Amino acid sequence: MEGLLTRRANFELDPALHRDSKIFATKQNKKMVDVVEIALREYLSFKESF
């Protein structure tokens, strides 16, 4: 996702979801923002198929 223009988004997460996302990102050697962006893109793509 580097090199692309971005917009800042601020939102609150359940503490357990935040922790799990951070752990997942670390295990994947990724930034948490990259994991969240990928998950959101996949979710939106899935929702568009209905």
Protein backbone atom coordinates (compact mmCIF):
# COMPACT_ATOMS: atom_id res chain seq x y z
CA MET A 1 0.00 0.00 0.00
CA GLU A 2 3.04 2.25 0.12
CA GLY A 3 3.26 5.14 -2.28
CA LEU A 4 -0.49 5.61 -2.56
CA LEU A 5 -2.31 8.72 -1.45
CA THR A 6 -4.07 8.02 1.82
CA ARG A 7 -6.66 9.52 4.13
CA ARG A 8 -6.55 9.34 7.89
CA ALA A 9 -9.39 7.46 9.59
CA ASN A 10 -10.02 7.50 13.31
CA PHE A 11 -12.30 4.93 14.89
CA GLU A 12 -12.66 2.97 18.08
CA LEU A 13 -12.18 -0.79 18.30
CA ASP A 14 -13.08 -3.30 20.92
CA PRO A 15 -9.91 -3.75 23.02
CA ALA A 16 -9.74 -7.50 22.30
CA LEU A 17 -10.11 -6.91 18.54
CA HIS A 18 -7.39 -4.26 18.67
CA ARG A 19 -5.06 -6.62 20.55
CA ASP A 20 -5.74 -9.53 18.21
CA SER A 21 -5.22 -7.33 15.14
CA LYS A 22 -1.93 -6.04 16.50
CA ILE A 23 -0.72 -9.57 17.27
CA PHE A 24 -1.79 -10.80 13.82
CA ALA A 25 0.00 -7.90 12.10
CA THR A 26 3.17 -8.55 14.07
CA LYS A 27 3.13 -12.25 13.18
CA GLN A 28 2.64 -11.35 9.50
CA ASN A 29 5.46 -8.78 9.69
CA LYS A 30 3.02 -6.06 8.61
CA LYS A 31 1.81 -2.77 10.00
CA MET A 32 -1.55 -2.91 11.69
CA VAL A 33 -2.90 -0.32 9.23
CA ASP A 34 -2.03 -2.65 6.33
CA VAL A 35 -3.89 -5.55 7.93
CA VAL A 36 -6.95 -3.38 8.59
CA GLU A 37 -6.90 -2.02 5.02
CA ILE A 38 -6.66 -5.50 3.50
CA ALA A 39 -9.48 -6.77 5.73
CA LEU A 40 -11.70 -3.82 4.85
CA ARG A 41 -11.05 -4.22 1.11
CA GLU A 42 -11.86 -7.93 1.30
CA TYR A 43 -15.04 -7.25 3.29
CA LEU A 44 -16.25 -4.60 0.84
CA SER A 45 -15.43 -6.84 -2.11
CA PHE A 46 -17.40 -9.68 -0.53
CA LYS A 47 -20.39 -7.41 0.19
CA GLU A 48 -20.46 -6.16 -3.42
CA SER A 49 -20.97 -9.71 -4.69
CA PHE A 50 -24.50 -9.80 -3.19
